[in-house]
Amino acid sequence: MEGILPLLKPKGLTSHDCVFKLRKILGTKKVGHTGTLDPDVTGVLPVCVGRATKIAEYITDAGKAYEGEVTLGYATATEDSSGETVEEKEVDRVIGRQEIVEVLGSLTGVITQTPPMYSAVKVNGKKLYEYARAGQTVERPSREVSIYSLELLDSRDSFEGKHISFKFRVSCSKGTYIRTLAVMIGERLGFPAHMSRLERIRSASFSIEDCLTFEEVEEKVRQGEDFLLPLEIGLSHLPKYHISDKVSEKIKNGAVLPVPEEIHSIDGPFVIMDSSRKALAIYKLHPEKTGLMKPVKVLRNE
């Protein structure tokens, strides 16, 4: 059994919980997820099975898209709706649509974020949430992330009330904390804020429409249906280079090879495909030997 399962993650389960449950349903231990989703977050969680676990990191590294909701008026310890309130300031003015649109525009592009204390980022070998649960606050390293698009999904012209909520859609790079983005939106509007809802609608090339629920997976297993997607789909965002069958054995053996002319300009990993459009390996330009390419990961060696 091998391939990719785009799972529709339900609320209340960690990504690891989902993997544990799928191992039982699929009857195999070789199952891995492609990036943590918080328990309160729903949506697209690509899960790799069998040989496809080799490419999990490449799905994790690809872009993501979310639909979420910001609530202004109070901030929480976890930056989402599950945490206790740590700051409150009622919204005491009417906020116009254009002001929100301009704030969202100002947060588009490369921005700097500081990971929330309730996150799995490690500082001095310890996860931040472990410090947070012990009541400690530590210095966190800021990092740059890319916000490709950030749009308002609310048709109102003005927003008023003690607490204001509005929906948004964001497309972003790996490592973006949407909880923190919600807090940043609030800061720029002048109020404490938190992320009150979040759904991942895309991860790499997988969208919400591709996903199966646990119940649907169980039913397909009972019916003996083939429902796992080819691992090649998980690599669709990477550049491809097609080779002849004559070279495929060398690729399968992880050979260092001369760089073809059309590959010279590629910066980053690329996929070597055989004549039947199967992904054989992931290669990159050799970092030390000009004109050569080396394997990063061999996917098929039989």
C-alpha atoms as a PDB file:
ATOM      1  CA  MET A   1       0.000   0.000   0.000  1.00  0.00           C
ATOM      2  CA  GLU A   2       1.489   3.319  -1.077  1.00  0.00           C
ATOM      3  CA  GLY A   3       0.338   6.777  -2.082  1.00  0.00           C
ATOM      4  CA  ILE A   4      -1.057   9.987  -0.681  1.00  0.00           C
ATOM      5  CA  LEU A   5      -4.315  10.396   1.206  1.00  0.00           C
ATOM      6  CA  PRO A   6      -5.631  13.969   1.397  1.00  0.00           C
ATOM      7  CA  LEU A   7      -7.460  13.749   4.710  1.00  0.00           C
ATOM      8  CA  LEU A   8     -10.218  16.119   5.776  1.00  0.00           C
ATOM      9  CA  LYS A   9      -8.959  16.679   9.311  1.00  0.00           C
ATOM     10  CA  PRO A  10     -11.755  17.087  11.860  1.00  0.00           C
ATOM     11  CA  LYS A  11     -11.692  19.470  14.801  1.00  0.00           C
ATOM     12  CA  GLY A  12     -10.376  18.105  18.105  1.00  0.00           C
ATOM     13  CA  LEU A  13      -7.619  15.801  16.815  1.00  0.00           C
ATOM     14  CA  THR A  14      -3.903  16.496  16.543  1.00  0.00           C
ATOM     15  CA  SER A  15      -2.103  15.587  13.320  1.00  0.00           C
ATOM     16  CA  HIS A  16      -0.472  12.706  15.187  1.00  0.00           C
ATOM     17  CA  ASP A  17      -3.901  11.492  16.355  1.00  0.00           C
ATOM     18  CA  CYS A  18      -4.931  11.353  12.697  1.00  0.00           C
ATOM     19  CA  VAL A  19      -1.860   9.310  11.747  1.00  0.00           C
ATOM     20  CA  PHE A  20      -2.460   6.889  14.643  1.00  0.00           C
ATOM     21  CA  LYS A  21      -6.081   6.399  13.573  1.00  0.00           C
ATOM     22  CA  LEU A  22      -5.158   5.859   9.912  1.00  0.00           C
ATOM     23  CA  ARG A  23      -2.528   3.261  10.798  1.00  0.00           C
ATOM     24  CA  LYS A  24      -5.330   1.188  12.328  1.00  0.00           C
ATOM     25  CA  ILE A  25      -7.743   1.732   9.438  1.00  0.00           C
ATOM     26  CA  LEU A  26      -5.158   1.031   6.716  1.00  0.00           C
ATOM     27  CA  GLY A  27      -3.393  -1.771   8.574  1.00  0.00           C
ATOM     28  CA  THR A  28       0.096  -0.365   8.069  1.00  0.00           C
ATOM     29  CA  LYS A  29       2.603   1.447  10.281  1.00  0.00           C
ATOM     30  CA  LYS A  30       4.223   3.355   7.424  1.00  0.00           C
ATOM     31  CA  VAL A  31       2.010   6.438   7.628  1.00  0.00           C
ATOM     32  CA  GLY A  32       3.138  10.033   8.146  1.00  0.00           C
ATOM     33  CA  HIS A  33       1.547  13.477   7.999  1.00  0.00           C
ATOM     34  CA  THR A  34       2.919  16.481   6.117  1.00  0.00           C
ATOM     35  CA  GLY A  35       2.825  19.277   8.662  1.00  0.00           C
ATOM     36  CA  THR A  36       1.149  19.874  11.977  1.00  0.00           C
ATOM     37  CA  LEU A  37      -2.355  21.297  12.195  1.00  0.00           C
ATOM     38  CA  ASP A  38      -3.518  22.459  15.632  1.00  0.00           C
ATOM     39  CA  PRO A  39      -6.390  20.423  17.161  1.00  0.00           C
ATOM     40  CA  ASP A  40      -8.897  23.270  16.617  1.00  0.00           C
ATOM     41  CA  VAL A  41      -7.973  23.635  12.932  1.00  0.00           C
ATOM     42  CA  THR A  42      -9.848  21.648  10.289  1.00  0.00           C
ATOM     43  CA  GLY A  43      -9.186  20.989   6.614  1.00  0.00           C
ATOM     44  CA  VAL A  44      -6.560  19.587   4.275  1.00  0.00           C
ATOM     45  CA  LEU A  45      -3.976  17.278   5.845  1.00  0.00           C
ATOM     46  CA  PRO A  46      -2.085  15.272   3.191  1.00  0.00           C
ATOM     47  CA  VAL A  47      -1.021  11.943   4.683  1.00  0.00           C
ATOM     48  CA  CYS A  48       1.702   9.825   3.078  1.00  0.00           C
ATOM     49  CA  VAL A  49       1.486   6.035   3.076  1.00  0.00           C
ATOM     50  CA  GLY A  50       4.230   3.504   2.279  1.00  0.00           C
ATOM     51  CA  ARG A  51       6.907   4.685  -0.137  1.00  0.00           C
ATOM     52  CA  ALA A  52       5.179   8.085  -0.349  1.00  0.00           C
ATOM     53  CA  THR A  53       6.485   8.902   3.161  1.00  0.00           C
ATOM     54  CA  LYS A  54       9.788   9.674   1.381  1.00  0.00           C
ATOM     55  CA  ILE A  55       8.295  12.831  -0.112  1.00  0.00           C
ATOM     56  CA  ALA A  56       6.425  14.137   2.977  1.00  0.00           C
ATOM     57  CA  GLU A  57       8.904  16.979   3.509  1.00  0.00           C
ATOM     58  CA  TYR A  58       8.361  18.290  -0.039  1.00  0.00           C
ATOM     59  CA  ILE A  59       4.620  18.552   0.526  1.00  0.00           C
ATOM     60  CA  THR A  60       5.293  20.220   3.893  1.00  0.00           C
ATOM     61  CA  ASP A  61       7.598  22.770   2.233  1.00  0.00           C
ATOM     62  CA  ALA A  62       5.025  23.791  -0.390  1.00  0.00           C
ATOM     63  CA  GLY A  63       2.598  26.688  -0.037  1.00  0.00           C
ATOM     64  CA  LYS A  64      -0.638  26.553   1.963  1.00  0.00           C
ATOM     65  CA  ALA A  65      -3.975  28.358   1.852  1.00  0.00           C
ATOM     66  CA  TYR A  66      -6.452  28.952   4.677  1.00  0.00           C
ATOM     67  CA  GLU A  67      -9.810  30.495   5.378  1.00  0.00           C
ATOM     68  CA  GLY A  68     -10.081  31.903   8.861  1.00  0.00           C
ATOM     69  CA  GLU A  69     -11.723  34.440  11.101  1.00  0.00           C
ATOM     70  CA  VAL A  70     -10.235  37.280  13.171  1.00  0.00           C
ATOM     71  CA  THR A  71     -12.021  38.523  16.274  1.00  0.00           C
ATOM     72  CA  LEU A  72     -11.107  41.977  17.580  1.00  0.00           C
ATOM     73  CA  GLY A  73     -11.678  43.028  21.178  1.00  0.00           C
ATOM     74  CA  TYR A  74      -9.639  40.533  23.161  1.00  0.00           C
ATOM     75  CA  ALA A  75      -6.436  38.521  22.882  1.00  0.00           C
ATOM     76  CA  THR A  76      -5.767  35.028  24.234  1.00  0.00           C
ATOM     77  CA  ALA A  77      -2.690  33.224  25.560  1.00  0.00           C
ATOM     78  CA  THR A  78      -2.737  30.788  22.631  1.00  0.00           C
ATOM     79  CA  GLU A  79      -3.692  33.412  20.007  1.00  0.00           C
ATOM     80  CA  ASP A  80      -6.760  31.302  19.124  1.00  0.00           C
ATOM     81  CA  SER A  81     -10.176  30.700  20.679  1.00  0.00           C
ATOM     82  CA  SER A  82      -8.976  27.870  22.946  1.00  0.00           C
ATOM     83  CA  GLY A  83      -6.813  30.052  25.211  1.00  0.00           C
ATOM     84  CA  GLU A  84      -7.674  32.166  28.203  1.00  0.00           C
ATOM     85  CA  THR A  85      -8.143  35.910  27.701  1.00  0.00           C
ATOM     86  CA  VAL A  86      -4.968  37.868  28.448  1.00  0.00           C
ATOM     87  CA  GLU A  87      -5.945  41.327  27.159  1.00  0.00           C
ATOM     88  CA  GLU A  88      -9.255  42.999  26.475  1.00  0.00           C
ATOM     89  CA  LYS A  89     -10.164  46.290  24.843  1.00  0.00           C
ATOM     90  CA  GLU A  90     -13.652  46.738  23.465  1.00  0.00           C
ATOM     91  CA  VAL A  91     -13.896  48.068  19.922  1.00  0.00           C
ATOM     92  CA  ASP A  92     -15.014  51.647  20.575  1.00  0.00           C
ATOM     93  CA  ARG A  93     -15.331  52.908  17.011  1.00  0.00           C
ATOM     94  CA  VAL A  94     -16.734  51.956  13.640  1.00  0.00           C
ATOM     95  CA  ILE A  95     -14.109  50.320  11.416  1.00  0.00           C
ATOM     96  CA  GLY A  96     -14.559  50.884   7.697  1.00  0.00           C
ATOM     97  CA  ARG A  97     -14.084  48.164   5.113  1.00  0.00           C
ATOM     98  CA  GLN A  98     -11.318  50.090   3.361  1.00  0.00           C
ATOM     99  CA  GLU A  99      -9.266  50.318   6.571  1.00  0.00           C
ATOM    100  CA  ILE A 100      -9.341  46.527   6.951  1.00  0.00           C
ATOM    101  CA  VAL A 101      -8.488  46.021   3.262  1.00  0.00           C
ATOM    102  CA  GLU A 102      -5.501  48.359   3.621  1.00  0.00           C
ATOM    103  CA  VAL A 103      -4.260  46.520   6.735  1.00  0.00           C
ATOM    104  CA  LEU A 104      -4.502  43.190   4.914  1.00  0.00           C
ATOM    105  CA  GLY A 105      -2.582  44.708   2.010  1.00  0.00           C
ATOM    106  CA  SER A 106       0.135  45.939   4.366  1.00  0.00           C
ATOM    107  CA  LEU A 107       0.633  42.369   5.603  1.00  0.00           C
ATOM    108  CA  THR A 108       1.023  40.930   2.098  1.00  0.00           C
ATOM    109  CA  GLY A 109       4.531  40.070   0.907  1.00  0.00           C
ATOM    110  CA  VAL A 110       7.497  39.131   3.101  1.00  0.00           C
ATOM    111  CA  ILE A 111       6.707  39.794   6.767  1.00  0.00           C
ATOM    112  CA  THR A 112       8.448  39.022  10.061  1.00  0.00           C
ATOM    113  CA  GLN A 113       6.677  36.895  12.653  1.00  0.00           C
ATOM    114  CA  THR A 114       7.564  35.815  16.175  1.00  0.00           C
ATOM    115  CA  PRO A 115       6.262  32.288  16.870  1.00  0.00           C
ATOM    116  CA  PRO A 116       3.600  32.152  19.620  1.00  0.00           C
ATOM    117  CA  MET A 117       4.570  30.692  22.996  1.00  0.00           C
ATOM    118  CA  TYR A 118       2.011  27.928  22.428  1.00  0.00           C
ATOM    119  CA  SER A 119       3.802  26.375  19.449  1.00  0.00           C
ATOM    120  CA  ALA A 120       6.108  23.456  18.703  1.00  0.00           C
ATOM    121  CA  VAL A 121       9.116  25.634  17.824  1.00  0.00           C
ATOM    122  CA  LYS A 122      12.143  24.566  19.876  1.00  0.00           C
ATOM    123  CA  VAL A 123      14.275  26.954  21.935  1.00  0.00           C
ATOM    124  CA  ASN A 124      17.287  25.431  23.717  1.00  0.00           C
ATOM    125  CA  GLY A 125      16.042  21.938  22.856  1.00  0.00           C
ATOM    126  CA  LYS A 126      12.621  22.470  24.426  1.00  0.00           C
ATOM    127  CA  LYS A 127       9.309  23.167  22.696  1.00  0.00           C
ATOM    128  CA  LEU A 128       7.813  26.587  23.328  1.00  0.00           C
ATOM    129  CA  TYR A 129       4.504  25.171  24.524  1.00  0.00           C
ATOM    130  CA  GLU A 130       6.382  23.291  27.266  1.00  0.00           C
ATOM    131  CA  TYR A 131       7.712  26.616  28.587  1.00  0.00           C
ATOM    132  CA  ALA A 132       4.227  28.146  28.253  1.00  0.00           C
ATOM    133  CA  ARG A 133       2.550  25.335  30.203  1.00  0.00           C
ATOM    134  CA  ALA A 134       5.108  25.861  32.962  1.00  0.00           C
ATOM    135  CA  GLY A 135       4.204  29.554  33.080  1.00  0.00           C
ATOM    136  CA  GLN A 136       7.506  30.660  31.533  1.00  0.00           C
ATOM    137  CA  THR A 137       8.100  33.116  28.700  1.00  0.00           C
ATOM    138  CA  VAL A 138      11.342  32.872  26.726  1.00  0.00           C
ATOM    139  CA  GLU A 139      13.007  34.836  23.940  1.00  0.00           C
ATOM    140  CA  ARG A 140      11.746  33.533  20.593  1.00  0.00           C
ATOM    141  CA  PRO A 141      13.600  33.886  17.297  1.00  0.00           C
ATOM    142  CA  SER A 142      11.661  35.913  14.725  1.00  0.00           C
ATOM    143  CA  ARG A 143      11.530  34.675  11.153  1.00  0.00           C
ATOM    144  CA  GLU A 144      10.497  35.868   7.730  1.00  0.00           C
ATOM    145  CA  VAL A 145       7.524  34.269   5.975  1.00  0.00           C
ATOM    146  CA  SER A 146       5.778  35.068   2.701  1.00  0.00           C
ATOM    147  CA  ILE A 147       2.125  36.071   2.451  1.00  0.00           C
ATOM    148  CA  TYR A 148       1.238  35.616  -1.223  1.00  0.00           C
ATOM    149  CA  SER A 149      -2.319  36.932  -0.906  1.00  0.00           C
ATOM    150  CA  LEU A 150      -4.578  38.066   1.932  1.00  0.00           C
ATOM    151  CA  GLU A 151      -8.172  39.013   1.195  1.00  0.00           C
ATOM    152  CA  LEU A 152     -11.271  39.967   3.145  1.00  0.00           C
ATOM    153  CA  LEU A 153     -14.195  37.538   2.798  1.00  0.00           C
ATOM    154  CA  ASP A 154     -16.807  39.817   4.335  1.00  0.00           C
ATOM    155  CA  SER A 155     -19.102  42.007   2.217  1.00  0.00           C
ATOM    156  CA  ARG A 156     -19.917  44.579   4.933  1.00  0.00           C
ATOM    157  CA  ASP A 157     -18.936  48.214   4.376  1.00  0.00           C
ATOM    158  CA  SER A 158     -18.507  48.920   8.092  1.00  0.00           C
ATOM    159  CA  PHE A 159     -17.917  46.923  11.254  1.00  0.00           C
ATOM    160  CA  GLU A 160     -19.051  47.863  14.757  1.00  0.00           C
ATOM    161  CA  GLY A 161     -19.680  46.281  18.160  1.00  0.00           C
ATOM    162  CA  LYS A 162     -17.721  45.470  21.324  1.00  0.00           C
ATOM    163  CA  HIS A 163     -16.154  42.489  19.569  1.00  0.00           C
ATOM    164  CA  ILE A 164     -15.842  42.455  15.776  1.00  0.00           C
ATOM    165  CA  SER A 165     -15.253  39.319  13.700  1.00  0.00           C
ATOM    166  CA  PHE A 166     -14.522  39.055   9.984  1.00  0.00           C
ATOM    167  CA  LYS A 167     -13.384  36.254   7.689  1.00  0.00           C
ATOM    168  CA  PHE A 168     -10.311  36.208   5.479  1.00  0.00           C
ATOM    169  CA  ARG A 169      -8.506  33.983   2.997  1.00  0.00           C
ATOM    170  CA  VAL A 170      -4.715  33.730   2.984  1.00  0.00           C
ATOM    171  CA  SER A 171      -2.183  31.999   0.749  1.00  0.00           C
ATOM    172  CA  CYS A 172       1.241  31.716   2.373  1.00  0.00           C
ATOM    173  CA  SER A 173       4.592  29.965   2.669  1.00  0.00           C
ATOM    174  CA  LYS A 174       5.608  27.172   4.977  1.00  0.00           C
ATOM    175  CA  GLY A 175       6.149  28.309   8.576  1.00  0.00           C
ATOM    176  CA  THR A 176       3.458  31.003   8.646  1.00  0.00           C
ATOM    177  CA  TYR A 177       1.482  31.183  11.885  1.00  0.00           C
ATOM    178  CA  ILE A 178      -2.053  32.227  10.964  1.00  0.00           C
ATOM    179  CA  ARG A 179      -2.829  32.754  14.667  1.00  0.00           C
ATOM    180  CA  THR A 180      -0.041  35.308  14.804  1.00  0.00           C
ATOM    181  CA  LEU A 181      -1.213  36.868  11.555  1.00  0.00           C
ATOM    182  CA  ALA A 182      -4.647  37.409  13.149  1.00  0.00           C
ATOM    183  CA  VAL A 183      -2.985  39.117  16.126  1.00  0.00           C
ATOM    184  CA  MET A 184      -0.957  41.320  13.747  1.00  0.00           C
ATOM    185  CA  ILE A 185      -4.141  42.344  11.909  1.00  0.00           C
ATOM    186  CA  GLY A 186      -5.645  43.398  15.241  1.00  0.00           C
ATOM    187  CA  GLU A 187      -2.538  45.333  16.246  1.00  0.00           C
ATOM    188  CA  ARG A 188      -2.623  47.346  13.031  1.00  0.00           C
ATOM    189  CA  LEU A 189      -6.297  48.136  13.605  1.00  0.00           C
ATOM    190  CA  GLY A 190      -5.506  49.198  17.176  1.00  0.00           C
ATOM    191  CA  PHE A 191      -7.145  46.369  19.136  1.00  0.00           C
ATOM    192  CA  PRO A 192      -6.182  43.063  20.788  1.00  0.00           C
ATOM    193  CA  ALA A 193      -7.257  40.148  18.598  1.00  0.00           C
ATOM    194  CA  HIS A 194      -7.153  36.399  18.153  1.00  0.00           C
ATOM    195  CA  MET A 195      -7.927  33.827  15.487  1.00  0.00           C
ATOM    196  CA  SER A 196     -11.426  32.564  16.216  1.00  0.00           C
ATOM    197  CA  ARG A 197     -11.690  29.955  13.437  1.00  0.00           C
ATOM    198  CA  LEU A 198      -9.387  28.354  10.862  1.00  0.00           C
ATOM    199  CA  GLU A 199      -9.662  25.840   8.023  1.00  0.00           C
ATOM    200  CA  ARG A 200      -6.819  24.848   5.723  1.00  0.00           C
ATOM    201  CA  ILE A 201      -8.234  24.781   2.200  1.00  0.00           C
ATOM    202  CA  ARG A 202      -5.071  23.860   0.302  1.00  0.00           C
ATOM    203  CA  SER A 203      -1.709  22.205   0.989  1.00  0.00           C
ATOM    204  CA  ALA A 204       0.714  21.929  -1.959  1.00  0.00           C
ATOM    205  CA  SER A 205      -1.464  20.660  -4.845  1.00  0.00           C
ATOM    206  CA  PHE A 206      -4.191  19.203  -2.612  1.00  0.00           C
ATOM    207  CA  SER A 207      -7.417  21.149  -2.066  1.00  0.00           C
ATOM    208  CA  ILE A 208     -10.402  20.665   0.208  1.00  0.00           C
ATOM    209  CA  GLU A 209     -12.321  19.064  -2.696  1.00  0.00           C
ATOM    210  CA  ASP A 210      -9.730  16.262  -2.884  1.00  0.00           C
ATOM    211  CA  CYS A 211     -10.121  15.248   0.754  1.00  0.00           C
ATOM    212  CA  LEU A 212     -11.732  12.196   2.336  1.00  0.00           C
ATOM    213  CA  THR A 213     -13.161  11.937   5.838  1.00  0.00           C
ATOM    214  CA  PHE A 214     -12.222   9.088   8.181  1.00  0.00           C
ATOM    215  CA  GLU A 215     -15.644   7.544   7.515  1.00  0.00           C
ATOM    216  CA  GLU A 216     -15.097   7.656   3.744  1.00  0.00           C
ATOM    217  CA  VAL A 217     -11.652   6.073   4.119  1.00  0.00           C
ATOM    218  CA  GLU A 218     -13.077   3.259   6.255  1.00  0.00           C
ATOM    219  CA  GLU A 219     -15.804   2.606   3.679  1.00  0.00           C
ATOM    220  CA  LYS A 220     -13.331   2.504   0.781  1.00  0.00           C
ATOM    221  CA  VAL A 221     -11.126   0.073   2.705  1.00  0.00           C
ATOM    222  CA  ARG A 222     -14.164  -2.157   3.329  1.00  0.00           C
ATOM    223  CA  GLN A 223     -15.078  -2.036  -0.368  1.00  0.00           C
ATOM    224  CA  GLY A 224     -11.496  -2.793  -1.417  1.00  0.00           C
ATOM    225  CA  GLU A 225     -11.296   0.424  -3.461  1.00  0.00           C
ATOM    226  CA  ASP A 226      -7.999   1.947  -4.584  1.00  0.00           C
ATOM    227  CA  PHE A 227      -8.197   5.500  -3.229  1.00  0.00           C
ATOM    228  CA  LEU A 228      -4.598   6.549  -2.543  1.00  0.00           C
ATOM    229  CA  LEU A 229      -3.221   9.145  -4.966  1.00  0.00           C
ATOM    230  CA  PRO A 230       0.136   8.572  -6.728  1.00  0.00           C
ATOM    231  CA  LEU A 231       3.142  10.104  -4.973  1.00  0.00           C
ATOM    232  CA  GLU A 232       3.840  12.038  -8.195  1.00  0.00           C
ATOM    233  CA  ILE A 233       0.885  14.313  -7.388  1.00  0.00           C
ATOM    234  CA  GLY A 234       2.629  15.334  -4.183  1.00  0.00           C
ATOM    235  CA  LEU A 235       5.593  16.491  -6.271  1.00  0.00           C
ATOM    236  CA  SER A 236       3.586  18.352  -8.914  1.00  0.00           C
ATOM    237  CA  HIS A 237       4.821  21.740  -7.645  1.00  0.00           C
ATOM    238  CA  LEU A 238       8.492  20.831  -8.297  1.00  0.00           C
ATOM    239  CA  PRO A 239      10.251  21.163 -11.696  1.00  0.00           C
ATOM    240  CA  LYS A 240      10.439  17.921 -13.733  1.00  0.00           C
ATOM    241  CA  TYR A 241      13.102  16.425 -15.983  1.00  0.00           C
ATOM    242  CA  HIS A 242      12.189  13.437 -18.154  1.00  0.00           C
ATOM    243  CA  ILE A 243      14.840  10.829 -18.959  1.00  0.00           C
ATOM    244  CA  SER A 244      15.151   7.846 -21.264  1.00  0.00           C
ATOM    245  CA  ASP A 245      14.973   4.273 -19.986  1.00  0.00           C
ATOM    246  CA  LYS A 246      18.703   3.975 -20.741  1.00  0.00           C
ATOM    247  CA  VAL A 247      19.552   6.424 -17.928  1.00  0.00           C
ATOM    248  CA  SER A 248      16.938   5.230 -15.431  1.00  0.00           C
ATOM    249  CA  GLU A 249      19.126   2.497 -13.890  1.00  0.00           C
ATOM    250  CA  LYS A 250      21.802   5.048 -13.040  1.00  0.00           C
ATOM    251  CA  ILE A 251      19.161   7.283 -11.438  1.00  0.00           C
ATOM    252  CA  LYS A 252      17.781   4.367  -9.402  1.00  0.00           C
ATOM    253  CA  ASN A 253      21.302   3.678  -8.141  1.00  0.00           C
ATOM    254  CA  GLY A 254      21.737   7.294  -7.034  1.00  0.00           C
ATOM    255  CA  ALA A 255      24.433   8.213  -9.541  1.00  0.00           C
ATOM    256  CA  VAL A 256      25.982  11.682  -9.747  1.00  0.00           C
ATOM    257  CA  LEU A 257      25.390  12.751 -13.357  1.00  0.00           C
ATOM    258  CA  PRO A 258      26.135  15.632 -15.729  1.00  0.00           C
ATOM    259  CA  VAL A 259      23.541  18.399 -15.615  1.00  0.00           C
ATOM    260  CA  PRO A 260      21.385  18.559 -18.764  1.00  0.00           C
ATOM    261  CA  GLU A 261      21.268  21.979 -20.438  1.00  0.00           C
ATOM    262  CA  GLU A 262      17.614  22.613 -19.492  1.00  0.00           C
ATOM    263  CA  ILE A 263      18.329  22.016 -15.778  1.00  0.00           C
ATOM    264  CA  HIS A 264      21.185  24.535 -15.339  1.00  0.00           C
ATOM    265  CA  SER A 265      18.895  27.405 -14.354  1.00  0.00           C
ATOM    266  CA  ILE A 266      16.847  25.483 -11.758  1.00  0.00           C
ATOM    267  CA  ASP A 267      17.427  26.637  -8.196  1.00  0.00           C
ATOM    268  CA  GLY A 268      16.345  23.938  -5.736  1.00  0.00           C
ATOM    269  CA  PRO A 269      15.222  20.320  -5.983  1.00  0.00           C
ATOM    270  CA  PHE A 270      13.741  18.830  -9.153  1.00  0.00           C
ATOM    271  CA  VAL A 271      12.119  15.492  -9.983  1.00  0.00           C
ATOM    272  CA  ILE A 272      13.582  12.951 -12.405  1.00  0.00           C
ATOM    273  CA  MET A 273      10.751  11.225 -14.321  1.00  0.00           C
ATOM    274  CA  ASP A 274      11.010   8.072 -16.445  1.00  0.00           C
ATOM    275  CA  SER A 275       9.282   7.386 -19.779  1.00  0.00           C
ATOM    276  CA  SER A 276       6.152   6.087 -18.014  1.00  0.00           C
ATOM    277  CA  ARG A 277       5.940   9.351 -15.996  1.00  0.00           C
ATOM    278  CA  LYS A 278       6.946   7.723 -12.725  1.00  0.00           C
ATOM    279  CA  ALA A 279       9.063   9.789 -10.317  1.00  0.00           C
ATOM    280  CA  LEU A 280      12.393   7.983  -9.892  1.00  0.00           C
ATOM    281  CA  ALA A 281      14.315  10.405  -7.685  1.00  0.00           C
ATOM    282  CA  ILE A 282      14.696  13.961  -6.463  1.00  0.00           C
ATOM    283  CA  TYR A 283      17.942  15.631  -7.533  1.00  0.00           C
ATOM    284  CA  LYS A 284      19.610  19.004  -7.101  1.00  0.00           C
ATOM    285  CA  LEU A 285      22.633  20.739  -8.622  1.00  0.00           C
ATOM    286  CA  HIS A 286      25.834  19.523  -6.999  1.00  0.00           C
ATOM    287  CA  PRO A 287      26.899  22.144  -4.420  1.00  0.00           C
ATOM    288  CA  GLU A 288      30.628  21.541  -4.951  1.00  0.00           C
ATOM    289  CA  LYS A 289      31.050  20.182  -8.475  1.00  0.00           C
ATOM    290  CA  THR A 290      30.002  22.503 -11.272  1.00  0.00           C
ATOM    291  CA  GLY A 291      28.147  20.821 -14.121  1.00  0.00           C
ATOM    292  CA  LEU A 292      26.990  17.853 -12.052  1.00  0.00           C
ATOM    293  CA  MET A 293      23.752  16.948 -10.288  1.00  0.00           C
ATOM    294  CA  LYS A 294      23.387  14.708  -7.243  1.00  0.00           C
ATOM    295  CA  PRO A 295      20.479  12.748  -5.733  1.00  0.00           C
ATOM    296  CA  VAL A 296      18.667  14.103  -2.697  1.00  0.00           C
ATOM    297  CA  LYS A 297      16.311  11.140  -2.442  1.00  0.00           C
ATOM    298  CA  VAL A 298      15.885   8.004  -4.562  1.00  0.00           C
ATOM    299  CA  LEU A 299      12.197   7.103  -4.756  1.00  0.00           C
ATOM    300  CA  ARG A 300      12.365   3.916  -6.812  1.00  0.00           C
ATOM    301  CA  ASN A 301      15.315   1.538  -6.928  1.00  0.00           C
ATOM    302  CA  GLU A 302      13.696  -1.631  -8.229  1.00  0.00           C
END
